[in-house]
């Protein structure tokens, strides 16, 4: 029985910084209003023609592979998590394989929204634990900005999201006291429409272009969120899935060295921090700078925390996410 360990990390965010004040110039909002409700100060939006979901994933993946000390020829499999693919089909996993010049390895696309990275990590972990693969590239990339309703109608949702990508290389670890100790995945489709985009995307053209031309009053193409309902469910499921992971590994809350929650809303993260009585040193948040980058938020935050020296060998790391679906998940890692 093998374990899998994170052997390399990387992230990429576009250079284009969009502040709350920038948004206040195109919709009826303010820096104070956004920060009070979400904790977000700014986010990154791509400039059309410069970045795509795939290209951001490629940039993050290159950094992760380089830091792992592996070559591209040593990557055995790709798992790519996103809800904002470049095309309706195929998914971006195969485009990433081509852009990185990898061998004809398998590429799996995962659509689990804000929980996507932990779901992808869990899938990769199982492949390694069973001995099928030795090194799996896990990528999460999201391009949200082009598909948002940047008017007063959509302001409560559109101010939240940003673009970016994160990646890790997961490698075989023979010491079963290290690496990913366990992952825990859940879903509850009963509430799927409480946070959703009801209309499908269109390959080659963004739905926002089509709406502007044909039916500007159709809201089904834009993200909808029942904010209060999502918040109430999020804090419950976050707590449950963190406790589930700790219990599965005979750990206590005091054993947590670093909790990295999905960056959905700073108020949710703060609520969970208070509920578990964790110090500021035990929780990492960067939503203030990047907004909610959906599946990419955890690997971006994980990489930043590691780069800042806040994650060290032997630390117990807890990843937790909740999002559309509803889906929620956690991972317990011994670094």
C-alpha atoms as a PDB file:
ATOM      1  CA  UNK A   1       0.000   0.000   0.000  1.00  0.00           C
ATOM      2  CA  UNK A   2       1.437   3.325  -1.038  1.00  0.00           C
ATOM      3  CA  UNK A   3       0.645   6.841   0.043  1.00  0.00           C
ATOM      4  CA  UNK A   4       0.833   9.852  -2.231  1.00  0.00           C
ATOM      5  CA  UNK A   5       2.545  13.112  -1.386  1.00  0.00           C
ATOM      6  CA  UNK A   6       2.526  16.571  -2.927  1.00  0.00           C
ATOM      7  CA  UNK A   7       5.892  16.778  -4.597  1.00  0.00           C
ATOM      8  CA  UNK A   8       5.582  20.156  -6.338  1.00  0.00           C
ATOM      9  CA  UNK A   9       3.256  23.157  -6.257  1.00  0.00           C
ATOM     10  CA  UNK A  10       2.580  26.108  -8.514  1.00  0.00           C
ATOM     11  CA  UNK A  11       0.002  28.771  -9.249  1.00  0.00           C
ATOM     12  CA  UNK A  12      -0.697  31.485 -11.773  1.00  0.00           C
ATOM     13  CA  UNK A  13      -3.005  34.507 -11.678  1.00  0.00           C
ATOM     14  CA  UNK A  14      -3.447  37.103 -14.434  1.00  0.00           C
ATOM     15  CA  UNK A  15      -1.607  40.393 -14.074  1.00  0.00           C
ATOM     16  CA  UNK A  16      -4.819  42.424 -14.496  1.00  0.00           C
ATOM     17  CA  UNK A  17      -5.890  43.537 -10.993  1.00  0.00           C
ATOM     18  CA  UNK A  18      -9.539  44.576 -10.605  1.00  0.00           C
ATOM     19  CA  UNK A  19     -10.220  46.444  -7.370  1.00  0.00           C
ATOM     20  CA  UNK A  20     -13.534  47.026  -5.681  1.00  0.00           C
ATOM     21  CA  UNK A  21     -13.287  50.672  -6.712  1.00  0.00           C
ATOM     22  CA  UNK A  22     -12.903  49.547 -10.335  1.00  0.00           C
ATOM     23  CA  UNK A  23     -16.153  47.595 -10.068  1.00  0.00           C
ATOM     24  CA  UNK A  24     -17.925  50.553  -8.461  1.00  0.00           C
ATOM     25  CA  UNK A  25     -17.394  52.443 -11.737  1.00  0.00           C
ATOM     26  CA  UNK A  26     -19.456  49.950 -13.748  1.00  0.00           C
ATOM     27  CA  UNK A  27     -22.098  48.899 -11.218  1.00  0.00           C
ATOM     28  CA  UNK A  28     -23.775  50.303  -8.115  1.00  0.00           C
ATOM     29  CA  UNK A  29     -21.460  48.932  -5.446  1.00  0.00           C
ATOM     30  CA  UNK A  30     -18.613  50.105  -3.231  1.00  0.00           C
ATOM     31  CA  UNK A  31     -15.397  48.919  -1.646  1.00  0.00           C
ATOM     32  CA  UNK A  32     -17.042  49.070   1.775  1.00  0.00           C
ATOM     33  CA  UNK A  33     -20.076  47.029   0.672  1.00  0.00           C
ATOM     34  CA  UNK A  34     -17.966  44.279  -0.933  1.00  0.00           C
ATOM     35  CA  UNK A  35     -15.444  44.020   1.898  1.00  0.00           C
ATOM     36  CA  UNK A  36     -18.156  43.931   4.563  1.00  0.00           C
ATOM     37  CA  UNK A  37     -19.960  40.997   2.914  1.00  0.00           C
ATOM     38  CA  UNK A  38     -17.095  39.006   1.401  1.00  0.00           C
ATOM     39  CA  UNK A  39     -13.755  40.264   2.697  1.00  0.00           C
ATOM     40  CA  UNK A  40     -12.562  40.740  -0.892  1.00  0.00           C
ATOM     41  CA  UNK A  41     -10.463  43.798  -1.769  1.00  0.00           C
ATOM     42  CA  UNK A  42      -9.450  42.869  -5.313  1.00  0.00           C
ATOM     43  CA  UNK A  43      -9.367  40.004  -7.780  1.00  0.00           C
ATOM     44  CA  UNK A  44      -7.639  39.123 -11.065  1.00  0.00           C
ATOM     45  CA  UNK A  45      -9.446  39.120 -14.406  1.00  0.00           C
ATOM     46  CA  UNK A  46      -7.912  37.913 -17.643  1.00  0.00           C
ATOM     47  CA  UNK A  47      -7.456  40.193 -20.624  1.00  0.00           C
ATOM     48  CA  UNK A  48      -9.129  38.567 -23.608  1.00  0.00           C
ATOM     49  CA  UNK A  49      -6.606  37.041 -25.960  1.00  0.00           C
ATOM     50  CA  UNK A  50      -3.899  36.750 -23.297  1.00  0.00           C
ATOM     51  CA  UNK A  51      -5.135  33.924 -21.050  1.00  0.00           C
ATOM     52  CA  UNK A  52      -7.526  30.986 -21.187  1.00  0.00           C
ATOM     53  CA  UNK A  53      -8.477  28.310 -18.692  1.00  0.00           C
ATOM     54  CA  UNK A  54      -5.960  25.970 -20.332  1.00  0.00           C
ATOM     55  CA  UNK A  55      -3.129  28.493 -20.642  1.00  0.00           C
ATOM     56  CA  UNK A  56      -3.405  29.449 -16.960  1.00  0.00           C
ATOM     57  CA  UNK A  57      -3.401  25.767 -16.018  1.00  0.00           C
ATOM     58  CA  UNK A  58      -0.309  25.201 -18.176  1.00  0.00           C
ATOM     59  CA  UNK A  59       1.566  28.046 -16.463  1.00  0.00           C
ATOM     60  CA  UNK A  60       0.728  26.724 -12.991  1.00  0.00           C
ATOM     61  CA  UNK A  61       1.579  23.152 -14.018  1.00  0.00           C
ATOM     62  CA  UNK A  62       4.998  24.098 -15.392  1.00  0.00           C
ATOM     63  CA  UNK A  63       5.946  25.624 -12.041  1.00  0.00           C
ATOM     64  CA  UNK A  64       4.689  22.576 -10.118  1.00  0.00           C
ATOM     65  CA  UNK A  65       6.548  20.124 -12.363  1.00  0.00           C
ATOM     66  CA  UNK A  66       9.773  22.124 -12.142  1.00  0.00           C
ATOM     67  CA  UNK A  67       9.551  22.262  -8.349  1.00  0.00           C
ATOM     68  CA  UNK A  68       8.887  18.521  -8.173  1.00  0.00           C
ATOM     69  CA  UNK A  69      12.234  17.806  -9.796  1.00  0.00           C
ATOM     70  CA  UNK A  70      10.545  15.574 -12.365  1.00  0.00           C
ATOM     71  CA  UNK A  71      10.526  15.813 -16.129  1.00  0.00           C
ATOM     72  CA  UNK A  72       7.357  15.895 -18.197  1.00  0.00           C
ATOM     73  CA  UNK A  73       8.162  12.349 -19.353  1.00  0.00           C
ATOM     74  CA  UNK A  74       7.693  11.169 -15.765  1.00  0.00           C
ATOM     75  CA  UNK A  75       4.089  12.409 -15.505  1.00  0.00           C
ATOM     76  CA  UNK A  76       1.786   9.377 -15.776  1.00  0.00           C
ATOM     77  CA  UNK A  77      -1.681  10.945 -15.683  1.00  0.00           C
ATOM     78  CA  UNK A  78      -3.533  14.285 -15.635  1.00  0.00           C
ATOM     79  CA  UNK A  79      -6.546  15.280 -13.558  1.00  0.00           C
ATOM     80  CA  UNK A  80      -7.919  18.721 -14.470  1.00  0.00           C
ATOM     81  CA  UNK A  81     -10.628  20.385 -12.361  1.00  0.00           C
ATOM     82  CA  UNK A  82     -12.641  23.300 -13.759  1.00  0.00           C
ATOM     83  CA  UNK A  83     -16.171  24.570 -14.341  1.00  0.00           C
ATOM     84  CA  UNK A  84     -15.019  27.047 -16.982  1.00  0.00           C
ATOM     85  CA  UNK A  85     -13.484  24.996 -19.819  1.00  0.00           C
ATOM     86  CA  UNK A  86     -12.330  26.641 -23.019  1.00  0.00           C
ATOM     87  CA  UNK A  87     -14.822  24.548 -24.980  1.00  0.00           C
ATOM     88  CA  UNK A  88     -18.130  22.909 -24.177  1.00  0.00           C
ATOM     89  CA  UNK A  89     -16.192  19.778 -25.147  1.00  0.00           C
ATOM     90  CA  UNK A  90     -13.516  18.489 -25.092  1.00  0.00           C
ATOM     91  CA  UNK A  91     -12.363  19.363 -21.604  1.00  0.00           C
ATOM     92  CA  UNK A  92      -9.064  21.142 -20.970  1.00  0.00           C
ATOM     93  CA  UNK A  93      -7.167  18.061 -19.774  1.00  0.00           C
ATOM     94  CA  UNK A  94      -6.242  17.024 -23.302  1.00  0.00           C
ATOM     95  CA  UNK A  95      -5.300  20.591 -24.268  1.00  0.00           C
ATOM     96  CA  UNK A  96      -3.012  20.740 -21.244  1.00  0.00           C
ATOM     97  CA  UNK A  97      -1.404  17.441 -22.269  1.00  0.00           C
ATOM     98  CA  UNK A  98      -0.693  18.835 -25.718  1.00  0.00           C
ATOM     99  CA  UNK A  99       0.570  22.220 -24.524  1.00  0.00           C
ATOM    100  CA  UNK A 100       2.935  20.646 -21.995  1.00  0.00           C
ATOM    101  CA  UNK A 101       4.236  18.171 -24.569  1.00  0.00           C
ATOM    102  CA  UNK A 102       3.435  15.203 -22.339  1.00  0.00           C
ATOM    103  CA  UNK A 103       3.346  11.644 -23.565  1.00  0.00           C
ATOM    104  CA  UNK A 104      -0.068  10.306 -24.578  1.00  0.00           C
ATOM    105  CA  UNK A 105      -1.026   9.866 -20.947  1.00  0.00           C
ATOM    106  CA  UNK A 106      -4.645   9.812 -19.832  1.00  0.00           C
ATOM    107  CA  UNK A 107      -6.377  13.085 -19.037  1.00  0.00           C
ATOM    108  CA  UNK A 108      -9.435  13.220 -16.788  1.00  0.00           C
ATOM    109  CA  UNK A 109     -11.630  16.316 -16.455  1.00  0.00           C
ATOM    110  CA  UNK A 110     -13.484  16.907 -13.190  1.00  0.00           C
ATOM    111  CA  UNK A 111     -16.473  19.220 -12.743  1.00  0.00           C
ATOM    112  CA  UNK A 112     -17.094  19.625  -9.043  1.00  0.00           C
ATOM    113  CA  UNK A 113     -17.105  23.382  -8.805  1.00  0.00           C
ATOM    114  CA  UNK A 114     -15.546  24.773  -5.612  1.00  0.00           C
ATOM    115  CA  UNK A 115     -14.805  21.249  -4.339  1.00  0.00           C
ATOM    116  CA  UNK A 116     -13.139  20.322  -7.623  1.00  0.00           C
ATOM    117  CA  UNK A 117      -9.533  20.397  -6.474  1.00  0.00           C
ATOM    118  CA  UNK A 118     -10.094  18.112  -3.483  1.00  0.00           C
ATOM    119  CA  UNK A 119     -12.127  15.727  -5.649  1.00  0.00           C
ATOM    120  CA  UNK A 120      -9.294  15.751  -8.204  1.00  0.00           C
ATOM    121  CA  UNK A 121      -6.713  15.229  -5.468  1.00  0.00           C
ATOM    122  CA  UNK A 122      -8.706  12.287  -4.132  1.00  0.00           C
ATOM    123  CA  UNK A 123      -8.937  10.647  -7.568  1.00  0.00           C
ATOM    124  CA  UNK A 124      -5.199  11.071  -8.128  1.00  0.00           C
ATOM    125  CA  UNK A 125      -4.507   9.723  -4.645  1.00  0.00           C
ATOM    126  CA  UNK A 126      -6.452   6.530  -5.355  1.00  0.00           C
ATOM    127  CA  UNK A 127      -4.550   5.910  -8.604  1.00  0.00           C
ATOM    128  CA  UNK A 128      -1.259   6.198  -6.751  1.00  0.00           C
ATOM    129  CA  UNK A 129      -2.333   4.180  -3.715  1.00  0.00           C
ATOM    130  CA  UNK A 130      -3.384   1.265  -5.904  1.00  0.00           C
ATOM    131  CA  UNK A 131      -0.055   1.343  -7.730  1.00  0.00           C
ATOM    132  CA  UNK A 132      -1.484   2.235 -11.132  1.00  0.00           C
ATOM    133  CA  UNK A 133       0.435   5.501 -11.454  1.00  0.00           C
ATOM    134  CA  UNK A 134       3.520   6.975  -9.827  1.00  0.00           C
ATOM    135  CA  UNK A 135       3.252  10.695 -10.654  1.00  0.00           C
ATOM    136  CA  UNK A 136      -0.065  12.444 -11.309  1.00  0.00           C
ATOM    137  CA  UNK A 137      -0.425  16.086 -12.319  1.00  0.00           C
ATOM    138  CA  UNK A 138      -3.448  17.710 -10.670  1.00  0.00           C
ATOM    139  CA  UNK A 139      -4.525  21.064 -12.095  1.00  0.00           C
ATOM    140  CA  UNK A 140      -7.377  23.419 -11.218  1.00  0.00           C
ATOM    141  CA  UNK A 141      -7.971  26.464 -13.377  1.00  0.00           C
ATOM    142  CA  UNK A 142     -10.885  28.868 -13.649  1.00  0.00           C
ATOM    143  CA  UNK A 143     -11.761  31.717 -15.994  1.00  0.00           C
ATOM    144  CA  UNK A 144     -14.852  33.260 -14.452  1.00  0.00           C
ATOM    145  CA  UNK A 145     -14.689  36.925 -15.400  1.00  0.00           C
ATOM    146  CA  UNK A 146     -15.962  36.709 -18.980  1.00  0.00           C
ATOM    147  CA  UNK A 147     -19.088  34.808 -17.930  1.00  0.00           C
ATOM    148  CA  UNK A 148     -20.261  37.194 -15.210  1.00  0.00           C
ATOM    149  CA  UNK A 149     -23.148  39.658 -15.305  1.00  0.00           C
ATOM    150  CA  UNK A 150     -21.193  42.862 -14.744  1.00  0.00           C
ATOM    151  CA  UNK A 151     -24.295  45.013 -14.240  1.00  0.00           C
ATOM    152  CA  UNK A 152     -26.355  46.023 -11.215  1.00  0.00           C
ATOM    153  CA  UNK A 153     -28.491  42.927 -11.772  1.00  0.00           C
ATOM    154  CA  UNK A 154     -25.554  40.595 -11.165  1.00  0.00           C
ATOM    155  CA  UNK A 155     -23.474  42.601  -8.716  1.00  0.00           C
ATOM    156  CA  UNK A 156     -24.071  40.402  -5.647  1.00  0.00           C
ATOM    157  CA  UNK A 157     -22.399  37.472  -7.434  1.00  0.00           C
ATOM    158  CA  UNK A 158     -20.049  39.091  -9.937  1.00  0.00           C
ATOM    159  CA  UNK A 159     -17.992  40.966  -7.332  1.00  0.00           C
ATOM    160  CA  UNK A 160     -16.999  37.652  -5.744  1.00  0.00           C
ATOM    161  CA  UNK A 161     -15.234  35.756  -8.522  1.00  0.00           C
ATOM    162  CA  UNK A 162     -11.747  35.941  -9.978  1.00  0.00           C
ATOM    163  CA  UNK A 163      -9.557  34.068 -12.457  1.00  0.00           C
ATOM    164  CA  UNK A 164      -6.508  31.901 -11.754  1.00  0.00           C
ATOM    165  CA  UNK A 165      -4.979  28.448 -11.649  1.00  0.00           C
ATOM    166  CA  UNK A 166      -3.135  26.160  -9.258  1.00  0.00           C
ATOM    167  CA  UNK A 167      -1.396  22.817  -9.725  1.00  0.00           C
ATOM    168  CA  UNK A 168       0.339  20.088  -7.770  1.00  0.00           C
ATOM    169  CA  UNK A 169       2.333  17.021  -8.688  1.00  0.00           C
ATOM    170  CA  UNK A 170       1.269  14.035  -6.619  1.00  0.00           C
ATOM    171  CA  UNK A 171       3.916  11.327  -6.311  1.00  0.00           C
ATOM    172  CA  UNK A 172       4.223   7.878  -4.768  1.00  0.00           C
ATOM    173  CA  UNK A 173       5.365   7.832  -1.139  1.00  0.00           C
ATOM    174  CA  UNK A 174       6.382   4.553   0.487  1.00  0.00           C
ATOM    175  CA  UNK A 175       6.338   6.000   4.016  1.00  0.00           C
ATOM    176  CA  UNK A 176       2.634   5.675   4.859  1.00  0.00           C
ATOM    177  CA  UNK A 177       2.952   8.085   7.790  1.00  0.00           C
ATOM    178  CA  UNK A 178       3.414  10.894   5.255  1.00  0.00           C
ATOM    179  CA  UNK A 179       1.415  12.362   2.409  1.00  0.00           C
ATOM    180  CA  UNK A 180      -2.344  12.305   1.959  1.00  0.00           C
ATOM    181  CA  UNK A 181      -3.772  10.426   4.928  1.00  0.00           C
ATOM    182  CA  UNK A 182      -7.388  10.499   3.772  1.00  0.00           C
ATOM    183  CA  UNK A 183      -9.940  12.332   1.646  1.00  0.00           C
ATOM    184  CA  UNK A 184     -13.676  12.683   2.248  1.00  0.00           C
ATOM    185  CA  UNK A 185     -16.190  13.530  -0.483  1.00  0.00           C
ATOM    186  CA  UNK A 186     -19.911  14.352  -0.294  1.00  0.00           C
ATOM    187  CA  UNK A 187     -22.766  15.724  -2.395  1.00  0.00           C
ATOM    188  CA  UNK A 188     -26.385  16.803  -1.989  1.00  0.00           C
ATOM    189  CA  UNK A 189     -28.070  17.468  -5.319  1.00  0.00           C
ATOM    190  CA  UNK A 190     -31.302  18.564  -3.656  1.00  0.00           C
ATOM    191  CA  UNK A 191     -29.891  22.095  -3.500  1.00  0.00           C
ATOM    192  CA  UNK A 192     -28.246  22.188  -6.920  1.00  0.00           C
ATOM    193  CA  UNK A 193     -30.172  25.243  -8.133  1.00  0.00           C
ATOM    194  CA  UNK A 194     -29.267  27.355  -5.104  1.00  0.00           C
ATOM    195  CA  UNK A 195     -25.864  28.043  -6.684  1.00  0.00           C
ATOM    196  CA  UNK A 196     -25.839  27.392 -10.393  1.00  0.00           C
ATOM    197  CA  UNK A 197     -25.610  28.510 -13.989  1.00  0.00           C
ATOM    198  CA  UNK A 198     -28.742  27.031 -15.515  1.00  0.00           C
ATOM    199  CA  UNK A 199     -28.013  27.512 -19.199  1.00  0.00           C
ATOM    200  CA  UNK A 200     -25.118  25.724 -20.983  1.00  0.00           C
ATOM    201  CA  UNK A 201     -22.018  27.306 -22.407  1.00  0.00           C
ATOM    202  CA  UNK A 202     -21.299  27.579 -26.101  1.00  0.00           C
ATOM    203  CA  UNK A 203     -17.982  26.406 -27.547  1.00  0.00           C
ATOM    204  CA  UNK A 204     -15.980  29.115 -29.255  1.00  0.00           C
ATOM    205  CA  UNK A 205     -18.228  31.961 -28.086  1.00  0.00           C
ATOM    206  CA  UNK A 206     -19.094  33.064 -24.606  1.00  0.00           C
ATOM    207  CA  UNK A 207     -22.749  33.010 -23.710  1.00  0.00           C
ATOM    208  CA  UNK A 208     -22.511  36.641 -22.636  1.00  0.00           C
ATOM    209  CA  UNK A 209     -21.891  37.617 -26.264  1.00  0.00           C
ATOM    210  CA  UNK A 210     -24.938  35.669 -27.420  1.00  0.00           C
ATOM    211  CA  UNK A 211     -27.175  37.146 -24.734  1.00  0.00           C
ATOM    212  CA  UNK A 212     -26.196  40.691 -25.597  1.00  0.00           C
ATOM    213  CA  UNK A 213     -27.121  40.042 -29.212  1.00  0.00           C
ATOM    214  CA  UNK A 214     -30.317  38.044 -28.765  1.00  0.00           C
ATOM    215  CA  UNK A 215     -31.887  38.147 -25.327  1.00  0.00           C
ATOM    216  CA  UNK A 216     -30.320  40.531 -22.810  1.00  0.00           C
ATOM    217  CA  UNK A 217     -33.063  39.857 -20.248  1.00  0.00           C
ATOM    218  CA  UNK A 218     -32.336  36.120 -19.981  1.00  0.00           C
ATOM    219  CA  UNK A 219     -30.617  35.573 -16.622  1.00  0.00           C
ATOM    220  CA  UNK A 220     -30.268  31.784 -16.902  1.00  0.00           C
ATOM    221  CA  UNK A 221     -26.830  32.103 -18.514  1.00  0.00           C
ATOM    222  CA  UNK A 222     -25.370  33.911 -15.511  1.00  0.00           C
ATOM    223  CA  UNK A 223     -24.428  32.524 -12.090  1.00  0.00           C
ATOM    224  CA  UNK A 224     -27.245  32.570  -9.546  1.00  0.00           C
ATOM    225  CA  UNK A 225     -26.608  32.231  -5.827  1.00  0.00           C
ATOM    226  CA  UNK A 226     -28.985  32.131  -2.884  1.00  0.00           C
ATOM    227  CA  UNK A 227     -26.326  33.712  -0.687  1.00  0.00           C
ATOM    228  CA  UNK A 228     -27.795  33.265   2.800  1.00  0.00           C
ATOM    229  CA  UNK A 229     -28.833  29.673   2.117  1.00  0.00           C
ATOM    230  CA  UNK A 230     -25.406  28.824   0.731  1.00  0.00           C
ATOM    231  CA  UNK A 231     -23.685  30.433   3.721  1.00  0.00           C
ATOM    232  CA  UNK A 232     -25.784  28.488   6.246  1.00  0.00           C
ATOM    233  CA  UNK A 233     -25.111  25.187   4.507  1.00  0.00           C
ATOM    234  CA  UNK A 234     -21.427  25.955   4.000  1.00  0.00           C
ATOM    235  CA  UNK A 235     -20.608  26.505   7.660  1.00  0.00           C
ATOM    236  CA  UNK A 236     -22.369  23.265   8.620  1.00  0.00           C
ATOM    237  CA  UNK A 237     -20.745  21.122   5.937  1.00  0.00           C
ATOM    238  CA  UNK A 238     -17.296  22.647   6.426  1.00  0.00           C
ATOM    239  CA  UNK A 239     -17.445  21.726  10.107  1.00  0.00           C
ATOM    240  CA  UNK A 240     -18.751  18.213   9.432  1.00  0.00           C
ATOM    241  CA  UNK A 241     -16.191  17.295   6.791  1.00  0.00           C
ATOM    242  CA  UNK A 242     -13.254  18.679   8.789  1.00  0.00           C
ATOM    243  CA  UNK A 243     -14.338  16.693  11.836  1.00  0.00           C
ATOM    244  CA  UNK A 244     -14.831  13.619   9.645  1.00  0.00           C
ATOM    245  CA  UNK A 245     -11.248  13.848   8.419  1.00  0.00           C
ATOM    246  CA  UNK A 246      -9.830  14.373  11.879  1.00  0.00           C
ATOM    247  CA  UNK A 247     -11.788  11.440  13.309  1.00  0.00           C
ATOM    248  CA  UNK A 248     -10.707   9.117  10.484  1.00  0.00           C
ATOM    249  CA  UNK A 249      -7.083   9.754  11.418  1.00  0.00           C
ATOM    250  CA  UNK A 250      -7.466   9.862  15.209  1.00  0.00           C
ATOM    251  CA  UNK A 251      -6.556  13.532  15.266  1.00  0.00           C
ATOM    252  CA  UNK A 252      -7.768  16.408  17.390  1.00  0.00           C
ATOM    253  CA  UNK A 253      -8.397  19.996  16.386  1.00  0.00           C
ATOM    254  CA  UNK A 254      -5.229  20.888  18.292  1.00  0.00           C
ATOM    255  CA  UNK A 255      -3.262  18.727  15.830  1.00  0.00           C
ATOM    256  CA  UNK A 256      -4.091  21.050  12.919  1.00  0.00           C
ATOM    257  CA  UNK A 257      -1.040  23.053  11.880  1.00  0.00           C
ATOM    258  CA  UNK A 258      -2.710  24.673   8.887  1.00  0.00           C
ATOM    259  CA  UNK A 259      -6.300  24.791   7.648  1.00  0.00           C
ATOM    260  CA  UNK A 260      -6.724  25.931   4.069  1.00  0.00           C
ATOM    261  CA  UNK A 261     -10.416  26.366   3.291  1.00  0.00           C
ATOM    262  CA  UNK A 262     -11.835  27.017  -0.149  1.00  0.00           C
ATOM    263  CA  UNK A 263     -11.786  30.772  -0.578  1.00  0.00           C
ATOM    264  CA  UNK A 264     -15.513  31.316  -1.020  1.00  0.00           C
ATOM    265  CA  UNK A 265     -16.098  34.125   1.438  1.00  0.00           C
ATOM    266  CA  UNK A 266     -13.825  35.440   4.183  1.00  0.00           C
ATOM    267  CA  UNK A 267     -16.799  35.498   6.576  1.00  0.00           C
ATOM    268  CA  UNK A 268     -17.266  31.734   6.138  1.00  0.00           C
ATOM    269  CA  UNK A 269     -13.574  31.109   6.806  1.00  0.00           C
ATOM    270  CA  UNK A 270     -13.668  33.320   9.891  1.00  0.00           C
ATOM    271  CA  UNK A 271     -16.782  31.552  11.162  1.00  0.00           C
ATOM    272  CA  UNK A 272     -15.074  28.161  10.823  1.00  0.00           C
ATOM    273  CA  UNK A 273     -11.910  29.481  12.446  1.00  0.00           C
ATOM    274  CA  UNK A 274     -13.902  30.692  15.444  1.00  0.00           C
ATOM    275  CA  UNK A 275     -15.918  27.475  15.667  1.00  0.00           C
ATOM    276  CA  UNK A 276     -12.742  25.380  15.822  1.00  0.00           C
ATOM    277  CA  UNK A 277     -10.934  27.937  18.008  1.00  0.00           C
ATOM    278  CA  UNK A 278      -8.000  28.157  15.598  1.00  0.00           C
ATOM    279  CA  UNK A 279      -5.454  30.970  15.717  1.00  0.00           C
ATOM    280  CA  UNK A 280      -4.625  33.194  12.757  1.00  0.00           C
ATOM    281  CA  UNK A 281      -1.412  31.201  12.330  1.00  0.00           C
ATOM    282  CA  UNK A 282      -3.453  28.025  11.784  1.00  0.00           C
ATOM    283  CA  UNK A 283      -5.641  29.316   8.932  1.00  0.00           C
ATOM    284  CA  UNK A 284      -4.588  30.650   5.546  1.00  0.00           C
ATOM    285  CA  UNK A 285      -6.777  33.035   3.557  1.00  0.00           C
ATOM    286  CA  UNK A 286      -5.979  34.963   0.387  1.00  0.00           C
ATOM    287  CA  UNK A 287      -9.482  35.706  -0.904  1.00  0.00           C
ATOM    288  CA  UNK A 288      -8.750  39.356  -0.118  1.00  0.00           C
ATOM    289  CA  UNK A 289      -6.360  39.443  -3.112  1.00  0.00           C
ATOM    290  CA  UNK A 290      -7.861  36.971  -5.553  1.00  0.00           C
ATOM    291  CA  UNK A 291     -11.570  36.632  -4.836  1.00  0.00           C
ATOM    292  CA  UNK A 292     -13.232  33.253  -5.262  1.00  0.00           C
ATOM    293  CA  UNK A 293     -11.357  31.315  -7.942  1.00  0.00           C
ATOM    294  CA  UNK A 294     -13.594  28.257  -7.485  1.00  0.00           C
ATOM    295  CA  UNK A 295     -11.657  25.002  -7.993  1.00  0.00           C
ATOM    296  CA  UNK A 296      -8.367  26.896  -8.212  1.00  0.00           C
ATOM    297  CA  UNK A 297      -8.666  28.607  -4.840  1.00  0.00           C
ATOM    298  CA  UNK A 298      -7.232  25.842  -2.647  1.00  0.00           C
ATOM    299  CA  UNK A 299      -4.151  25.045  -4.760  1.00  0.00           C
ATOM    300  CA  UNK A 300      -3.415  28.774  -5.138  1.00  0.00           C
ATOM    301  CA  UNK A 301      -3.687  29.258  -1.365  1.00  0.00           C
ATOM    302  CA  UNK A 302      -1.754  26.050  -0.635  1.00  0.00           C
ATOM    303  CA  UNK A 303       1.093  27.168  -2.871  1.00  0.00           C
ATOM    304  CA  UNK A 304       1.200  30.661  -1.384  1.00  0.00           C
ATOM    305  CA  UNK A 305       1.214  29.284   2.157  1.00  0.00           C
ATOM    306  CA  UNK A 306       4.090  26.953   1.266  1.00  0.00           C
ATOM    307  CA  UNK A 307       6.026  29.746  -0.466  1.00  0.00           C
ATOM    308  CA  UNK A 308       5.663  31.914   2.643  1.00  0.00           C
ATOM    309  CA  UNK A 309       7.101  29.178   4.856  1.00  0.00           C
ATOM    310  CA  UNK A 310       3.848  28.605   6.692  1.00  0.00           C
ATOM    311  CA  UNK A 311       3.811  24.920   5.770  1.00  0.00           C
ATOM    312  CA  UNK A 312       6.712  22.801   6.972  1.00  0.00           C
ATOM    313  CA  UNK A 313       7.695  19.153   6.888  1.00  0.00           C
ATOM    314  CA  UNK A 314       5.757  17.139   9.447  1.00  0.00           C
ATOM    315  CA  UNK A 315       2.839  19.588   9.599  1.00  0.00           C
ATOM    316  CA  UNK A 316      -0.741  18.356   9.571  1.00  0.00           C
ATOM    317  CA  UNK A 317      -2.583  20.186   6.793  1.00  0.00           C
ATOM    318  CA  UNK A 318      -6.359  20.202   6.419  1.00  0.00           C
ATOM    319  CA  UNK A 319      -7.995  21.189   3.136  1.00  0.00           C
ATOM    320  CA  UNK A 320     -11.756  21.747   3.083  1.00  0.00           C
ATOM    321  CA  UNK A 321     -14.213  22.942   0.455  1.00  0.00           C
ATOM    322  CA  UNK A 322     -17.919  23.515  -0.084  1.00  0.00           C
ATOM    323  CA  UNK A 323     -19.667  24.674  -3.216  1.00  0.00           C
ATOM    324  CA  UNK A 324     -22.260  24.309  -5.928  1.00  0.00           C
ATOM    325  CA  UNK A 325     -23.892  20.937  -6.233  1.00  0.00           C
ATOM    326  CA  UNK A 326     -23.942  21.040  -3.273  1.00  0.00           C
ATOM    327  CA  UNK A 327     -20.614  19.258  -2.951  1.00  0.00           C
ATOM    328  CA  UNK A 328     -18.167  19.355  -0.079  1.00  0.00           C
ATOM    329  CA  UNK A 329     -14.899  17.618   0.704  1.00  0.00           C
ATOM    330  CA  UNK A 330     -11.815  17.519   2.894  1.00  0.00           C
ATOM    331  CA  UNK A 331      -8.292  16.142   2.745  1.00  0.00           C
ATOM    332  CA  UNK A 332      -5.934  15.428   5.627  1.00  0.00           C
ATOM    333  CA  UNK A 333      -2.255  15.659   4.714  1.00  0.00           C
ATOM    334  CA  UNK A 334       0.920  14.989   6.690  1.00  0.00           C
ATOM    335  CA  UNK A 335       3.446  17.220   4.946  1.00  0.00           C
END
